[in-house]
């Protein structure tokens, strides 16, 4: 299983900028708050999950290549299916 430490020490970059540990924690916290990921954290105030699990909402965002924070596509899909059936 990959570890954040390994990711960071390998010279992690995002769009050419180095990724700091604080950035990784902040992104994990935001993704969890938005419902894209879940997982247990650790004591001591770490804001992001320690063992990440992608949620159904996160899977939808990946499968539909949605920008993060976009509305859930499921309601319109269900409405379209109801109209055609």
N, C-alpha and C. Protein backbone atom coordinates (compact mmCIF):
# COMPACT_ATOMS: atom_id res chain seq x y z
N UNK A 1 0.86 -1.19 0.00
CA UNK A 1 0.00 0.00 0.00
C UNK A 1 0.89 1.24 0.00
N UNK A 2 0.62 2.20 -0.89
CA UNK A 2 1.41 3.42 -0.94
C UNK A 2 1.24 4.24 0.34
N UNK A 3 2.27 4.93 0.71
CA UNK A 3 2.25 5.79 1.90
C UNK A 3 2.54 7.22 1.48
N UNK A 4 1.93 8.16 2.17
CA UNK A 4 2.14 9.58 1.86
C UNK A 4 3.62 9.94 1.93
N UNK A 5 4.32 9.40 2.92
CA UNK A 5 5.75 9.70 3.08
C UNK A 5 6.52 9.32 1.82
N UNK A 6 6.23 8.13 1.27
CA UNK A 6 6.90 7.67 0.05
C UNK A 6 6.60 8.60 -1.12
N UNK A 7 5.35 9.03 -1.22
CA UNK A 7 4.93 9.94 -2.27
C UNK A 7 5.70 11.26 -2.18
N UNK A 8 5.79 11.79 -0.97
CA UNK A 8 6.44 13.08 -0.77
C UNK A 8 7.95 13.01 -0.97
N UNK A 9 8.59 11.96 -0.46
CA UNK A 9 10.05 11.85 -0.58
C UNK A 9 10.50 11.48 -1.99
N UNK A 10 9.58 11.02 -2.83
CA UNK A 10 9.91 10.70 -4.21
C UNK A 10 9.99 11.95 -5.08
N UNK A 11 9.80 13.11 -4.48
CA UNK A 11 9.84 14.36 -5.24
C UNK A 11 8.52 14.68 -5.90
N UNK A 12 7.44 14.49 -5.16
CA UNK A 12 6.09 14.71 -5.70
C UNK A 12 5.91 16.15 -6.17
N UNK A 13 5.31 16.28 -7.36
CA UNK A 13 5.01 17.59 -7.92
C UNK A 13 3.58 17.59 -8.46
N UNK A 14 2.95 18.75 -8.42
CA UNK A 14 1.62 18.95 -8.98
C UNK A 14 1.69 20.17 -9.87
N UNK A 15 1.52 19.98 -11.16
CA UNK A 15 1.66 21.05 -12.14
C UNK A 15 2.98 21.79 -11.97
N UNK A 16 4.04 21.03 -11.76
CA UNK A 16 5.38 21.59 -11.68
C UNK A 16 5.79 22.14 -10.33
N UNK A 17 4.89 22.17 -9.39
CA UNK A 17 5.18 22.69 -8.05
C UNK A 17 5.35 21.54 -7.07
N UNK A 18 6.35 21.63 -6.19
CA UNK A 18 6.51 20.55 -5.20
C UNK A 18 5.32 20.48 -4.26
N UNK A 19 4.96 19.27 -3.86
CA UNK A 19 3.86 19.04 -2.93
C UNK A 19 4.43 18.96 -1.52
N UNK A 20 3.89 19.79 -0.64
CA UNK A 20 4.31 19.77 0.76
C UNK A 20 3.36 18.86 1.55
N UNK A 21 3.84 18.36 2.67
CA UNK A 21 3.01 17.49 3.51
C UNK A 21 1.74 18.20 3.95
N UNK A 22 1.83 19.49 4.25
CA UNK A 22 0.65 20.25 4.66
C UNK A 22 -0.38 20.29 3.53
N UNK A 23 0.10 20.42 2.28
CA UNK A 23 -0.80 20.43 1.13
C UNK A 23 -1.55 19.10 1.02
N UNK A 24 -0.82 18.02 1.20
CA UNK A 24 -1.42 16.69 1.12
C UNK A 24 -2.51 16.51 2.17
N UNK A 25 -2.23 16.97 3.40
CA UNK A 25 -3.23 16.88 4.47
C UNK A 25 -4.45 17.74 4.17
N UNK A 26 -4.21 18.95 3.64
CA UNK A 26 -5.31 19.87 3.34
C UNK A 26 -6.21 19.31 2.23
N UNK A 27 -5.61 18.75 1.19
CA UNK A 27 -6.38 18.16 0.11
C UNK A 27 -7.19 16.97 0.61
N UNK A 28 -6.57 16.12 1.42
CA UNK A 28 -7.28 14.98 1.99
C UNK A 28 -8.45 15.41 2.85
N UNK A 29 -8.25 16.46 3.65
CA UNK A 29 -9.33 16.99 4.50
C UNK A 29 -10.47 17.48 3.62
N UNK A 30 -10.16 18.25 2.57
CA UNK A 30 -11.19 18.80 1.69
C UNK A 30 -11.95 17.69 0.97
N UNK A 31 -11.23 16.71 0.42
CA UNK A 31 -11.88 15.60 -0.28
C UNK A 31 -12.82 14.83 0.65
N UNK A 32 -12.40 14.65 1.91
CA UNK A 32 -13.25 13.95 2.86
C UNK A 32 -14.48 14.79 3.21
N UNK A 33 -14.28 16.08 3.46
CA UNK A 33 -15.42 16.97 3.78
C UNK A 33 -16.43 17.02 2.65
N UNK A 34 -15.96 16.97 1.40
CA UNK A 34 -16.85 17.03 0.24
C UNK A 34 -17.51 15.69 -0.07
N UNK A 35 -17.03 14.61 0.57
CA UNK A 35 -17.64 13.30 0.38
C UNK A 35 -17.02 12.46 -0.73
N UNK A 36 -15.87 12.89 -1.27
CA UNK A 36 -15.22 12.14 -2.34
C UNK A 36 -14.43 10.94 -1.81
N UNK A 37 -13.91 11.07 -0.60
CA UNK A 37 -13.16 9.98 0.02
C UNK A 37 -13.62 9.83 1.46
N UNK A 38 -13.29 8.70 2.05
CA UNK A 38 -13.58 8.45 3.46
C UNK A 38 -12.46 7.58 3.99
N UNK A 39 -12.46 7.38 5.26
CA UNK A 39 -11.47 6.51 5.87
C UNK A 39 -11.15 6.98 7.27
N UNK A 40 -10.58 6.07 8.05
CA UNK A 40 -10.23 6.43 9.42
C UNK A 40 -9.04 7.38 9.47
N UNK A 41 -9.07 8.26 10.41
CA UNK A 41 -7.94 9.16 10.64
C UNK A 41 -7.11 8.66 11.79
N UNK A 42 -6.34 9.53 12.34
CA UNK A 42 -5.53 9.20 13.51
C UNK A 42 -5.73 10.27 14.56
N UNK A 43 -5.41 9.93 15.78
CA UNK A 43 -5.52 10.94 16.83
C UNK A 43 -4.37 11.93 16.66
N UNK A 44 -4.48 13.06 17.31
CA UNK A 44 -3.43 14.05 17.23
C UNK A 44 -3.74 15.19 16.27
N UNK A 45 -4.96 15.23 15.77
CA UNK A 45 -5.37 16.37 14.98
C UNK A 45 -5.10 16.29 13.49
N UNK A 46 -4.72 15.14 12.97
CA UNK A 46 -4.51 15.03 11.53
C UNK A 46 -5.87 15.22 10.85
N UNK A 47 -5.98 16.18 9.90
CA UNK A 47 -7.28 16.51 9.32
C UNK A 47 -7.76 15.58 8.22
N UNK A 48 -6.86 14.78 7.66
CA UNK A 48 -7.23 13.92 6.53
C UNK A 48 -7.24 12.46 6.94
N UNK A 49 -7.93 11.62 6.18
CA UNK A 49 -7.97 10.20 6.53
C UNK A 49 -6.61 9.53 6.31
N UNK A 50 -6.30 8.60 7.18
CA UNK A 50 -5.03 7.88 7.09
C UNK A 50 -5.10 6.79 6.03
N UNK A 51 -6.18 6.05 6.00
CA UNK A 51 -6.39 5.00 5.01
C UNK A 51 -7.59 5.42 4.16
N UNK A 52 -7.32 5.84 2.96
CA UNK A 52 -8.33 6.44 2.10
C UNK A 52 -9.14 5.39 1.35
N UNK A 53 -10.45 5.63 1.30
CA UNK A 53 -11.36 4.80 0.52
C UNK A 53 -12.18 5.76 -0.35
N UNK A 54 -12.24 5.50 -1.65
CA UNK A 54 -13.03 6.34 -2.54
C UNK A 54 -14.51 6.02 -2.33
N UNK A 55 -15.31 7.06 -2.16
CA UNK A 55 -16.75 6.90 -1.94
C UNK A 55 -17.47 6.77 -3.29
N UNK A 56 -18.77 6.42 -3.26
CA UNK A 56 -19.53 6.40 -4.52
C UNK A 56 -19.50 7.76 -5.24
N UNK A 57 -19.57 8.85 -4.49
CA UNK A 57 -19.50 10.18 -5.11
C UNK A 57 -18.14 10.39 -5.77
N UNK A 58 -17.08 9.95 -5.10
CA UNK A 58 -15.74 10.04 -5.67
C UNK A 58 -15.62 9.21 -6.93
N UNK A 59 -16.19 8.02 -6.92
CA UNK A 59 -16.17 7.15 -8.10
C UNK A 59 -16.91 7.80 -9.27
N UNK A 60 -18.06 8.43 -8.97
CA UNK A 60 -18.82 9.12 -10.03
C UNK A 60 -17.99 10.25 -10.63
N UNK A 61 -17.32 11.01 -9.78
CA UNK A 61 -16.51 12.12 -10.27
C UNK A 61 -15.40 11.61 -11.19
N UNK A 62 -14.81 10.48 -10.84
CA UNK A 62 -13.76 9.90 -11.67
C UNK A 62 -14.34 9.35 -12.97
N UNK A 63 -15.39 8.57 -12.87
CA UNK A 63 -15.98 7.92 -14.04
C UNK A 63 -16.51 8.92 -15.06
N UNK A 64 -17.08 10.03 -14.58
CA UNK A 64 -17.66 11.03 -15.47
C UNK A 64 -16.71 12.18 -15.74
N UNK A 65 -15.47 12.08 -15.22
CA UNK A 65 -14.44 13.12 -15.38
C UNK A 65 -14.98 14.49 -14.99
N UNK A 66 -15.68 14.54 -13.86
CA UNK A 66 -16.25 15.79 -13.38
C UNK A 66 -15.21 16.60 -12.64
N UNK A 67 -15.26 17.91 -12.77
CA UNK A 67 -14.39 18.73 -11.93
C UNK A 67 -14.87 18.59 -10.48
N UNK A 68 -13.93 18.55 -9.56
CA UNK A 68 -14.32 18.39 -8.16
C UNK A 68 -15.17 19.58 -7.73
N UNK A 69 -16.23 19.28 -7.01
CA UNK A 69 -17.16 20.31 -6.58
C UNK A 69 -18.33 20.48 -7.54
N UNK A 70 -18.31 19.73 -8.66
CA UNK A 70 -19.42 19.80 -9.62
C UNK A 70 -20.65 19.12 -9.02
N UNK A 71 -21.83 19.51 -9.46
CA UNK A 71 -23.05 18.85 -8.95
C UNK A 71 -23.05 17.36 -9.28
N UNK A 72 -23.68 16.59 -8.44
CA UNK A 72 -23.81 15.14 -8.63
C UNK A 72 -24.63 14.90 -9.90
N UNK A 73 -24.11 14.10 -10.85
CA UNK A 73 -24.85 13.88 -12.10
C UNK A 73 -26.03 12.92 -11.94
N UNK A 74 -26.11 12.21 -10.84
CA UNK A 74 -27.12 11.18 -10.67
C UNK A 74 -28.56 11.71 -10.76
N UNK A 75 -28.92 12.85 -10.14
CA UNK A 75 -30.32 13.28 -10.23
C UNK A 75 -30.79 13.51 -11.66
N UNK A 76 -29.99 14.14 -12.52
CA UNK A 76 -30.42 14.38 -13.89
C UNK A 76 -30.47 13.08 -14.67
N UNK A 77 -29.57 12.15 -14.37
CA UNK A 77 -29.57 10.85 -15.04
C UNK A 77 -30.85 10.11 -14.69
N UNK A 78 -31.22 10.12 -13.42
CA UNK A 78 -32.46 9.43 -12.99
C UNK A 78 -33.67 10.09 -13.63
N UNK A 79 -33.68 11.43 -13.71
CA UNK A 79 -34.81 12.14 -14.28
C UNK A 79 -34.93 11.81 -15.78
N UNK A 80 -33.80 11.75 -16.48
CA UNK A 80 -33.82 11.41 -17.90
C UNK A 80 -34.34 9.99 -18.11
N UNK A 81 -33.94 9.07 -17.24
CA UNK A 81 -34.39 7.68 -17.35
C UNK A 81 -35.89 7.57 -17.10
N UNK A 82 -36.40 8.37 -16.16
CA UNK A 82 -37.83 8.33 -15.84
C UNK A 82 -38.65 8.85 -17.02
N UNK A 83 -38.12 9.87 -17.70
CA UNK A 83 -38.84 10.44 -18.84
C UNK A 83 -38.89 9.48 -20.02
N UNK A 84 -37.79 8.73 -20.21
CA UNK A 84 -37.73 7.85 -21.38
C UNK A 84 -38.40 6.49 -21.13
N UNK A 85 -38.69 6.16 -19.86
CA UNK A 85 -39.25 4.85 -19.55
C UNK A 85 -40.67 4.87 -19.35
